[in-house]
ModelCIF file with pLDDT and N, C-alpha, C, O atoms, coordinates in Angstrom:
data_MODEL
#
_entry.id   MODEL 
#
_entity.id                         1 
_entity.type                       polymer 
_entity.pdbx_number_of_molecules   1 
#
_entity_poly.entity_id                      1 
_entity_poly.type                           'polypeptide(L)' 
_entity_poly.nstd_linkage                   no 
_entity_poly.nstd_monomer                   no 
_entity_poly.pdbx_seq_one_letter_code       
;(UNK)(UNK)(UNK)(UNK)(UNK)(UNK)(UNK)(UNK)(UNK)(UNK)(UNK)(UNK)(UNK)(UNK)(UNK)(UNK)
(UNK)(UNK)(UNK)(UNK)(UNK)(UNK)(UNK)(UNK)(UNK)(UNK)(UNK)(UNK)(UNK)(UNK)(UNK)(UNK)
(UNK)(UNK)(UNK)(UNK)(UNK)(UNK)(UNK)
;
_entity_poly.pdbx_seq_one_letter_code_can   XXXXXXXXXXXXXXXXXXXXXXXXXXXXXXXXXXXXXXX 
_entity_poly.pdbx_strand_id                 A 
#
loop_
_entity_poly_seq.entity_id 
_entity_poly_seq.num 
_entity_poly_seq.mon_id 
_entity_poly_seq.hetero 
1 1  UNK n 
1 2  UNK n 
1 3  UNK n 
1 4  UNK n 
1 5  UNK n 
1 6  UNK n 
1 7  UNK n 
1 8  UNK n 
1 9  UNK n 
1 10 UNK n 
1 11 UNK n 
1 12 UNK n 
1 13 UNK n 
1 14 UNK n 
1 15 UNK n 
1 16 UNK n 
1 17 UNK n 
1 18 UNK n 
1 19 UNK n 
1 20 UNK n 
1 21 UNK n 
1 22 UNK n 
1 23 UNK n 
1 24 UNK n 
1 25 UNK n 
1 26 UNK n 
1 27 UNK n 
1 28 UNK n 
1 29 UNK n 
1 30 UNK n 
1 31 UNK n 
1 32 UNK n 
1 33 UNK n 
1 34 UNK n 
1 35 UNK n 
1 36 UNK n 
1 37 UNK n 
1 38 UNK n 
1 39 UNK n 
#
_struct_asym.id          A 
_struct_asym.entity_id   1 
#
loop_
_ma_qa_metric.id 
_ma_qa_metric.mode 
_ma_qa_metric.name 
_ma_qa_metric.software_group_id 
_ma_qa_metric.type 
1 global pLDDT . pLDDT 
2 local  pLDDT . pLDDT 
#
_ma_qa_metric_global.metric_id      1 
_ma_qa_metric_global.metric_value   82.95 
_ma_qa_metric_global.model_id       1 
_ma_qa_metric_global.ordinal_id     1 
#
loop_
_ma_qa_metric_local.label_asym_id 
_ma_qa_metric_local.label_comp_id 
_ma_qa_metric_local.label_seq_id 
_ma_qa_metric_local.metric_id 
_ma_qa_metric_local.metric_value 
_ma_qa_metric_local.model_id 
_ma_qa_metric_local.ordinal_id 
A UNK 1  2 90.00 1 1  
A UNK 2  2 90.00 1 2  
A UNK 3  2 92.00 1 3  
A UNK 4  2 91.00 1 4  
A UNK 5  2 90.00 1 5  
A UNK 6  2 90.00 1 6  
A UNK 7  2 91.00 1 7  
A UNK 8  2 92.00 1 8  
A UNK 9  2 91.00 1 9  
A UNK 10 2 90.00 1 10 
A UNK 11 2 90.00 1 11 
A UNK 12 2 90.00 1 12 
A UNK 13 2 89.00 1 13 
A UNK 14 2 87.00 1 14 
A UNK 15 2 86.00 1 15 
A UNK 16 2 83.00 1 16 
A UNK 17 2 87.00 1 17 
A UNK 18 2 87.00 1 18 
A UNK 19 2 89.00 1 19 
A UNK 20 2 84.00 1 20 
A UNK 21 2 86.00 1 21 
A UNK 22 2 75.00 1 22 
A UNK 23 2 67.00 1 23 
A UNK 24 2 65.00 1 24 
A UNK 25 2 61.00 1 25 
A UNK 26 2 66.00 1 26 
A UNK 27 2 70.00 1 27 
A UNK 28 2 69.00 1 28 
A UNK 29 2 70.00 1 29 
A UNK 30 2 76.00 1 30 
A UNK 31 2 75.00 1 31 
A UNK 32 2 76.00 1 32 
A UNK 33 2 81.00 1 33 
A UNK 34 2 86.00 1 34 
A UNK 35 2 82.00 1 35 
A UNK 36 2 84.00 1 36 
A UNK 37 2 90.00 1 37 
A UNK 38 2 90.00 1 38 
A UNK 39 2 87.00 1 39 
#
loop_
_atom_site.group_PDB 
_atom_site.id 
_atom_site.type_symbol 
_atom_site.label_atom_id 
_atom_site.label_alt_id 
_atom_site.label_comp_id 
_atom_site.label_asym_id 
_atom_site.label_entity_id 
_atom_site.label_seq_id 
_atom_site.pdbx_PDB_ins_code 
_atom_site.Cartn_x 
_atom_site.Cartn_y 
_atom_site.Cartn_z 
_atom_site.occupancy 
_atom_site.B_iso_or_equiv 
_atom_site.pdbx_formal_charge 
_atom_site.auth_seq_id 
_atom_site.auth_comp_id 
_atom_site.auth_asym_id 
_atom_site.auth_atom_id 
_atom_site.pdbx_PDB_model_num 
ATOM 1   N N  . UNK A 1 1  ? 204.322 -14.304 4.994  1.00 90.00 ? 1  UNK A N  1 
ATOM 2   C CA . UNK A 1 1  ? 205.463 -15.116 5.445  1.00 90.00 ? 1  UNK A CA 1 
ATOM 3   C C  . UNK A 1 1  ? 206.481 -14.273 6.201  1.00 90.00 ? 1  UNK A C  1 
ATOM 4   O O  . UNK A 1 1  ? 207.322 -14.818 6.917  1.00 90.00 ? 1  UNK A O  1 
ATOM 5   N N  . UNK A 1 2  ? 206.417 -12.937 6.053  1.00 90.00 ? 2  UNK A N  1 
ATOM 6   C CA . UNK A 1 2  ? 207.375 -12.054 6.722  1.00 90.00 ? 2  UNK A CA 1 
ATOM 7   C C  . UNK A 1 2  ? 206.753 -11.259 7.871  1.00 90.00 ? 2  UNK A C  1 
ATOM 8   O O  . UNK A 1 2  ? 207.434 -10.926 8.840  1.00 90.00 ? 2  UNK A O  1 
ATOM 9   N N  . UNK A 1 3  ? 205.460 -10.957 7.758  1.00 92.00 ? 3  UNK A N  1 
ATOM 10  C CA . UNK A 1 3  ? 204.805 -10.158 8.804  1.00 92.00 ? 3  UNK A CA 1 
ATOM 11  C C  . UNK A 1 3  ? 203.330 -10.524 8.848  1.00 92.00 ? 3  UNK A C  1 
ATOM 12  O O  . UNK A 1 3  ? 202.711 -10.755 7.809  1.00 92.00 ? 3  UNK A O  1 
ATOM 13  N N  . UNK A 1 4  ? 202.766 -10.577 10.048 1.00 91.00 ? 4  UNK A N  1 
ATOM 14  C CA . UNK A 1 4  ? 201.348 -10.920 10.199 1.00 91.00 ? 4  UNK A CA 1 
ATOM 15  C C  . UNK A 1 4  ? 200.523 -9.663  10.421 1.00 91.00 ? 4  UNK A C  1 
ATOM 16  O O  . UNK A 1 4  ? 201.064 -8.595  10.704 1.00 91.00 ? 4  UNK A O  1 
ATOM 17  N N  . UNK A 1 5  ? 199.212 -9.799  10.291 1.00 90.00 ? 5  UNK A N  1 
ATOM 18  C CA . UNK A 1 5  ? 198.338 -8.643  10.497 1.00 90.00 ? 5  UNK A CA 1 
ATOM 19  C C  . UNK A 1 5  ? 198.372 -8.204  11.960 1.00 90.00 ? 5  UNK A C  1 
ATOM 20  O O  . UNK A 1 5  ? 198.209 -7.021  12.259 1.00 90.00 ? 5  UNK A O  1 
ATOM 21  N N  . UNK A 1 6  ? 198.586 -9.161  12.875 1.00 90.00 ? 6  UNK A N  1 
ATOM 22  C CA . UNK A 1 6  ? 198.713 -8.802  14.300 1.00 90.00 ? 6  UNK A CA 1 
ATOM 23  C C  . UNK A 1 6  ? 199.969 -7.966  14.538 1.00 90.00 ? 6  UNK A C  1 
ATOM 24  O O  . UNK A 1 6  ? 199.962 -7.034  15.343 1.00 90.00 ? 6  UNK A O  1 
ATOM 25  N N  . UNK A 1 7  ? 201.058 -8.314  13.823 1.00 91.00 ? 7  UNK A N  1 
ATOM 26  C CA . UNK A 1 7  ? 202.289 -7.520  13.925 1.00 91.00 ? 7  UNK A CA 1 
ATOM 27  C C  . UNK A 1 7  ? 202.046 -6.096  13.426 1.00 91.00 ? 7  UNK A C  1 
ATOM 28  O O  . UNK A 1 7  ? 202.544 -5.128  14.002 1.00 91.00 ? 7  UNK A O  1 
ATOM 29  N N  . UNK A 1 8  ? 201.275 -5.987  12.351 1.00 92.00 ? 8  UNK A N  1 
ATOM 30  C CA . UNK A 1 8  ? 200.960 -4.668  11.788 1.00 92.00 ? 8  UNK A CA 1 
ATOM 31  C C  . UNK A 1 8  ? 200.151 -3.846  12.786 1.00 92.00 ? 8  UNK A C  1 
ATOM 32  O O  . UNK A 1 8  ? 200.421 -2.663  12.995 1.00 92.00 ? 8  UNK A O  1 
ATOM 33  N N  . UNK A 1 9  ? 199.157 -4.487  13.401 1.00 91.00 ? 9  UNK A N  1 
ATOM 34  C CA . UNK A 1 9  ? 198.361 -3.790  14.425 1.00 91.00 ? 9  UNK A CA 1 
ATOM 35  C C  . UNK A 1 9  ? 199.261 -3.312  15.564 1.00 91.00 ? 9  UNK A C  1 
ATOM 36  O O  . UNK A 1 9  ? 199.103 -2.203  16.074 1.00 91.00 ? 9  UNK A O  1 
ATOM 37  N N  . UNK A 1 10 ? 200.209 -4.169  15.951 1.00 90.00 ? 10 UNK A N  1 
ATOM 38  C CA . UNK A 1 10 ? 201.117 -3.831  17.056 1.00 90.00 ? 10 UNK A CA 1 
ATOM 39  C C  . UNK A 1 10 ? 201.973 -2.619  16.711 1.00 90.00 ? 10 UNK A C  1 
ATOM 40  O O  . UNK A 1 10 ? 202.188 -1.748  17.554 1.00 90.00 ? 10 UNK A O  1 
ATOM 41  N N  . UNK A 1 11 ? 202.469 -2.560  15.460 1.00 90.00 ? 11 UNK A N  1 
ATOM 42  C CA . UNK A 1 11 ? 203.278 -1.412  15.036 1.00 90.00 ? 11 UNK A CA 1 
ATOM 43  C C  . UNK A 1 11 ? 202.468 -0.122  15.090 1.00 90.00 ? 11 UNK A C  1 
ATOM 44  O O  . UNK A 1 11 ? 202.963 0.920   15.520 1.00 90.00 ? 11 UNK A O  1 
ATOM 45  N N  . UNK A 1 12 ? 201.231 -0.207  14.654 1.00 90.00 ? 12 UNK A N  1 
ATOM 46  C CA . UNK A 1 12 ? 200.359 0.979   14.668 1.00 90.00 ? 12 UNK A CA 1 
ATOM 47  C C  . UNK A 1 12 ? 200.121 1.437   16.103 1.00 90.00 ? 12 UNK A C  1 
ATOM 48  O O  . UNK A 1 12 ? 200.144 2.634   16.392 1.00 90.00 ? 12 UNK A O  1 
ATOM 49  N N  . UNK A 1 13 ? 199.895 0.488   16.993 1.00 89.00 ? 13 UNK A N  1 
ATOM 50  C CA . UNK A 1 13 ? 199.610 0.828   18.387 1.00 89.00 ? 13 UNK A CA 1 
ATOM 51  C C  . UNK A 1 13 ? 200.840 1.380   19.098 1.00 89.00 ? 13 UNK A C  1 
ATOM 52  O O  . UNK A 1 13 ? 200.711 2.184   20.022 1.00 89.00 ? 13 UNK A O  1 
ATOM 53  N N  . UNK A 1 14 ? 202.036 0.957   18.676 1.00 87.00 ? 14 UNK A N  1 
ATOM 54  C CA . UNK A 1 14 ? 203.263 1.459   19.291 1.00 87.00 ? 14 UNK A CA 1 
ATOM 55  C C  . UNK A 1 14 ? 203.461 2.950   19.057 1.00 87.00 ? 14 UNK A C  1 
ATOM 56  O O  . UNK A 1 14 ? 204.111 3.623   19.857 1.00 87.00 ? 14 UNK A O  1 
ATOM 57  N N  . UNK A 1 15 ? 202.909 3.466   17.974 1.00 86.00 ? 15 UNK A N  1 
ATOM 58  C CA . UNK A 1 15 ? 203.069 4.894   17.691 1.00 86.00 ? 15 UNK A CA 1 
ATOM 59  C C  . UNK A 1 15 ? 201.843 5.698   18.134 1.00 86.00 ? 15 UNK A C  1 
ATOM 60  O O  . UNK A 1 15 ? 201.674 6.857   17.755 1.00 86.00 ? 15 UNK A O  1 
ATOM 61  N N  . UNK A 1 16 ? 200.983 5.053   18.952 1.00 83.00 ? 16 UNK A N  1 
ATOM 62  C CA . UNK A 1 16 ? 199.938 5.817   19.615 1.00 83.00 ? 16 UNK A CA 1 
ATOM 63  C C  . UNK A 1 16 ? 198.552 5.756   19.028 1.00 83.00 ? 16 UNK A C  1 
ATOM 64  O O  . UNK A 1 16 ? 197.697 6.562   19.395 1.00 83.00 ? 16 UNK A O  1 
ATOM 65  N N  . UNK A 1 17 ? 198.297 4.818   18.123 1.00 87.00 ? 17 UNK A N  1 
ATOM 66  C CA . UNK A 1 17 ? 196.962 4.705   17.546 1.00 87.00 ? 17 UNK A CA 1 
ATOM 67  C C  . UNK A 1 17 ? 196.401 3.317   17.843 1.00 87.00 ? 17 UNK A C  1 
ATOM 68  O O  . UNK A 1 17 ? 197.137 2.412   18.238 1.00 87.00 ? 17 UNK A O  1 
ATOM 69  N N  . UNK A 1 18 ? 195.109 3.159   17.651 1.00 87.00 ? 18 UNK A N  1 
ATOM 70  C CA . UNK A 1 18 ? 194.482 1.867   17.883 1.00 87.00 ? 18 UNK A CA 1 
ATOM 71  C C  . UNK A 1 18 ? 194.094 1.259   16.534 1.00 87.00 ? 18 UNK A C  1 
ATOM 72  O O  . UNK A 1 18 ? 193.407 1.891   15.731 1.00 87.00 ? 18 UNK A O  1 
ATOM 73  N N  . UNK A 1 19 ? 194.541 0.029   16.300 1.00 89.00 ? 19 UNK A N  1 
ATOM 74  C CA . UNK A 1 19 ? 194.213 -0.684  15.063 1.00 89.00 ? 19 UNK A CA 1 
ATOM 75  C C  . UNK A 1 19 ? 193.407 -1.927  15.408 1.00 89.00 ? 19 UNK A C  1 
ATOM 76  O O  . UNK A 1 19 ? 193.749 -2.653  16.342 1.00 89.00 ? 19 UNK A O  1 
ATOM 77  N N  . UNK A 1 20 ? 192.350 -2.171  14.666 1.00 84.00 ? 20 UNK A N  1 
ATOM 78  C CA . UNK A 1 20 ? 191.520 -3.345  14.914 1.00 84.00 ? 20 UNK A CA 1 
ATOM 79  C C  . UNK A 1 20 ? 190.783 -3.723  13.634 1.00 84.00 ? 20 UNK A C  1 
ATOM 80  O O  . UNK A 1 20 ? 190.683 -2.908  12.717 1.00 84.00 ? 20 UNK A O  1 
ATOM 81  N N  . UNK A 1 21 ? 190.270 -4.940  13.559 1.00 86.00 ? 21 UNK A N  1 
ATOM 82  C CA . UNK A 1 21 ? 189.604 -5.384  12.328 1.00 86.00 ? 21 UNK A CA 1 
ATOM 83  C C  . UNK A 1 21 ? 188.436 -4.481  11.950 1.00 86.00 ? 21 UNK A C  1 
ATOM 84  O O  . UNK A 1 21 ? 187.873 -3.779  12.790 1.00 86.00 ? 21 UNK A O  1 
ATOM 85  N N  . UNK A 1 22 ? 188.087 -4.516  10.672 1.00 75.00 ? 22 UNK A N  1 
ATOM 86  C CA . UNK A 1 22 ? 186.974 -3.707  10.170 1.00 75.00 ? 22 UNK A CA 1 
ATOM 87  C C  . UNK A 1 22 ? 185.686 -4.111  10.868 1.00 75.00 ? 22 UNK A C  1 
ATOM 88  O O  . UNK A 1 22 ? 185.399 -5.295  11.044 1.00 75.00 ? 22 UNK A O  1 
ATOM 89  N N  . UNK A 1 23 ? 184.925 -3.113  11.257 1.00 67.00 ? 23 UNK A N  1 
ATOM 90  C CA . UNK A 1 23 ? 183.669 -3.352  11.955 1.00 67.00 ? 23 UNK A CA 1 
ATOM 91  C C  . UNK A 1 23 ? 182.536 -3.555  10.962 1.00 67.00 ? 23 UNK A C  1 
ATOM 92  O O  . UNK A 1 23 ? 182.673 -3.281  9.770  1.00 67.00 ? 23 UNK A O  1 
ATOM 93  N N  . UNK A 1 24 ? 181.419 -4.039  11.476 1.00 65.00 ? 24 UNK A N  1 
ATOM 94  C CA . UNK A 1 24 ? 180.201 -4.042  10.668 1.00 65.00 ? 24 UNK A CA 1 
ATOM 95  C C  . UNK A 1 24 ? 179.684 -2.607  10.584 1.00 65.00 ? 24 UNK A C  1 
ATOM 96  O O  . UNK A 1 24 ? 180.093 -1.739  11.356 1.00 65.00 ? 24 UNK A O  1 
ATOM 97  N N  . UNK A 1 25 ? 178.784 -2.377  9.639  1.00 61.00 ? 25 UNK A N  1 
ATOM 98  C CA . UNK A 1 25 ? 178.222 -1.031  9.501  1.00 61.00 ? 25 UNK A CA 1 
ATOM 99  C C  . UNK A 1 25 ? 177.525 -0.600  10.788 1.00 61.00 ? 25 UNK A C  1 
ATOM 100 O O  . UNK A 1 25 ? 177.607 0.563   11.184 1.00 61.00 ? 25 UNK A O  1 
ATOM 101 N N  . UNK A 1 26 ? 176.841 -1.537  11.435 1.00 66.00 ? 26 UNK A N  1 
ATOM 102 C CA . UNK A 1 26 ? 176.141 -1.209  12.679 1.00 66.00 ? 26 UNK A CA 1 
ATOM 103 C C  . UNK A 1 26 ? 177.139 -0.841  13.771 1.00 66.00 ? 26 UNK A C  1 
ATOM 104 O O  . UNK A 1 26 ? 176.934 0.131   14.498 1.00 66.00 ? 26 UNK A O  1 
ATOM 105 N N  . UNK A 1 27 ? 178.211 -1.607  13.890 1.00 70.00 ? 27 UNK A N  1 
ATOM 106 C CA . UNK A 1 27 ? 179.241 -1.306  14.895 1.00 70.00 ? 27 UNK A CA 1 
ATOM 107 C C  . UNK A 1 27 ? 179.880 0.058   14.629 1.00 70.00 ? 27 UNK A C  1 
ATOM 108 O O  . UNK A 1 27 ? 180.144 0.821   15.558 1.00 70.00 ? 27 UNK A O  1 
ATOM 109 N N  . UNK A 1 28 ? 180.122 0.354   13.355 1.00 69.00 ? 28 UNK A N  1 
ATOM 110 C CA . UNK A 1 28 ? 180.724 1.651   12.998 1.00 69.00 ? 28 UNK A CA 1 
ATOM 111 C C  . UNK A 1 28 ? 179.807 2.787   13.402 1.00 69.00 ? 28 UNK A C  1 
ATOM 112 O O  . UNK A 1 28 ? 180.252 3.773   13.989 1.00 69.00 ? 28 UNK A O  1 
ATOM 113 N N  . UNK A 1 29 ? 178.516 2.650   13.084 1.00 70.00 ? 29 UNK A N  1 
ATOM 114 C CA . UNK A 1 29 ? 177.552 3.700   13.452 1.00 70.00 ? 29 UNK A CA 1 
ATOM 115 C C  . UNK A 1 29 ? 177.517 3.915   14.952 1.00 70.00 ? 29 UNK A C  1 
ATOM 116 O O  . UNK A 1 29 ? 177.541 5.050   15.428 1.00 70.00 ? 29 UNK A O  1 
ATOM 117 N N  . UNK A 1 30 ? 177.459 2.807   15.703 1.00 76.00 ? 30 UNK A N  1 
ATOM 118 C CA . UNK A 1 30 ? 177.382 2.909   17.163 1.00 76.00 ? 30 UNK A CA 1 
ATOM 119 C C  . UNK A 1 30 ? 178.639 3.548   17.735 1.00 76.00 ? 30 UNK A C  1 
ATOM 120 O O  . UNK A 1 30 ? 178.564 4.375   18.643 1.00 76.00 ? 30 UNK A O  1 
ATOM 121 N N  . UNK A 1 31 ? 179.827 3.152   17.187 1.00 75.00 ? 31 UNK A N  1 
ATOM 122 C CA . UNK A 1 31 ? 181.089 3.732   17.677 1.00 75.00 ? 31 UNK A CA 1 
ATOM 123 C C  . UNK A 1 31 ? 181.146 5.222   17.385 1.00 75.00 ? 31 UNK A C  1 
ATOM 124 O O  . UNK A 1 31 ? 181.532 6.011   18.247 1.00 75.00 ? 31 UNK A O  1 
ATOM 125 N N  . UNK A 1 32 ? 180.765 5.611   16.173 1.00 76.00 ? 32 UNK A N  1 
ATOM 126 C CA . UNK A 1 32 ? 180.807 7.025   15.813 1.00 76.00 ? 32 UNK A CA 1 
ATOM 127 C C  . UNK A 1 32 ? 179.846 7.844   16.663 1.00 76.00 ? 32 UNK A C  1 
ATOM 128 O O  . UNK A 1 32 ? 180.145 8.981   17.027 1.00 76.00 ? 32 UNK A O  1 
ATOM 129 N N  . UNK A 1 33 ? 178.698 7.267   16.976 1.00 81.00 ? 33 UNK A N  1 
ATOM 130 C CA . UNK A 1 33 ? 177.742 7.973   17.842 1.00 81.00 ? 33 UNK A CA 1 
ATOM 131 C C  . UNK A 1 33 ? 178.321 8.163   19.239 1.00 81.00 ? 33 UNK A C  1 
ATOM 132 O O  . UNK A 1 33 ? 178.155 9.221   19.846 1.00 81.00 ? 33 UNK A O  1 
ATOM 133 N N  . UNK A 1 34 ? 179.006 7.127   19.754 1.00 86.00 ? 34 UNK A N  1 
ATOM 134 C CA . UNK A 1 34 ? 179.633 7.236   21.078 1.00 86.00 ? 34 UNK A CA 1 
ATOM 135 C C  . UNK A 1 34 ? 180.719 8.305   21.068 1.00 86.00 ? 34 UNK A C  1 
ATOM 136 O O  . UNK A 1 34 ? 180.793 9.139   21.970 1.00 86.00 ? 34 UNK A O  1 
ATOM 137 N N  . UNK A 1 35 ? 181.567 8.270   20.030 1.00 82.00 ? 35 UNK A N  1 
ATOM 138 C CA . UNK A 1 35 ? 182.660 9.244   19.948 1.00 82.00 ? 35 UNK A CA 1 
ATOM 139 C C  . UNK A 1 35 ? 182.123 10.666  19.810 1.00 82.00 ? 35 UNK A C  1 
ATOM 140 O O  . UNK A 1 35 ? 182.656 11.599  20.411 1.00 82.00 ? 35 UNK A O  1 
ATOM 141 N N  . UNK A 1 36 ? 181.069 10.824  19.016 1.00 84.00 ? 36 UNK A N  1 
ATOM 142 C CA . UNK A 1 36 ? 180.480 12.149  18.832 1.00 84.00 ? 36 UNK A CA 1 
ATOM 143 C C  . UNK A 1 36 ? 179.887 12.660  20.145 1.00 84.00 ? 36 UNK A C  1 
ATOM 144 O O  . UNK A 1 36 ? 180.022 13.836  20.482 1.00 84.00 ? 36 UNK A O  1 
ATOM 145 N N  . UNK A 1 37 ? 179.230 11.760  20.881 1.00 90.00 ? 37 UNK A N  1 
ATOM 146 C CA . UNK A 1 37 ? 178.631 12.141  22.164 1.00 90.00 ? 37 UNK A CA 1 
ATOM 147 C C  . UNK A 1 37 ? 179.717 12.515  23.174 1.00 90.00 ? 37 UNK A C  1 
ATOM 148 O O  . UNK A 1 37 ? 179.568 13.482  23.920 1.00 90.00 ? 37 UNK A O  1 
ATOM 149 N N  . UNK A 1 38 ? 180.823 11.737  23.196 1.00 90.00 ? 38 UNK A N  1 
ATOM 150 C CA . UNK A 1 38 ? 181.934 12.038  24.111 1.00 90.00 ? 38 UNK A CA 1 
ATOM 151 C C  . UNK A 1 38 ? 182.547 13.392  23.776 1.00 90.00 ? 38 UNK A C  1 
ATOM 152 O O  . UNK A 1 38 ? 182.848 14.177  24.676 1.00 90.00 ? 38 UNK A O  1 
ATOM 153 N N  . UNK A 1 39 ? 182.737 13.673  22.476 1.00 87.00 ? 39 UNK A N  1 
ATOM 154 C CA . UNK A 1 39 ? 183.305 14.948  22.055 1.00 87.00 ? 39 UNK A CA 1 
ATOM 155 C C  . UNK A 1 39 ? 182.395 16.106  22.468 1.00 87.00 ? 39 UNK A C  1 
ATOM 156 O O  . UNK A 1 39 ? 182.709 17.265  22.198 1.00 87.00 ? 39 UNK A O  1 
#
């Protein structure tokens, strides 16, 4: 009633991070593989 999850995501993004809903296990694996490859 005082703050929404979208507002929370916005606050996190304002300080320089990316916030988004929890991924599936498959999405997490694929994202981590992409990030590892980029690094």
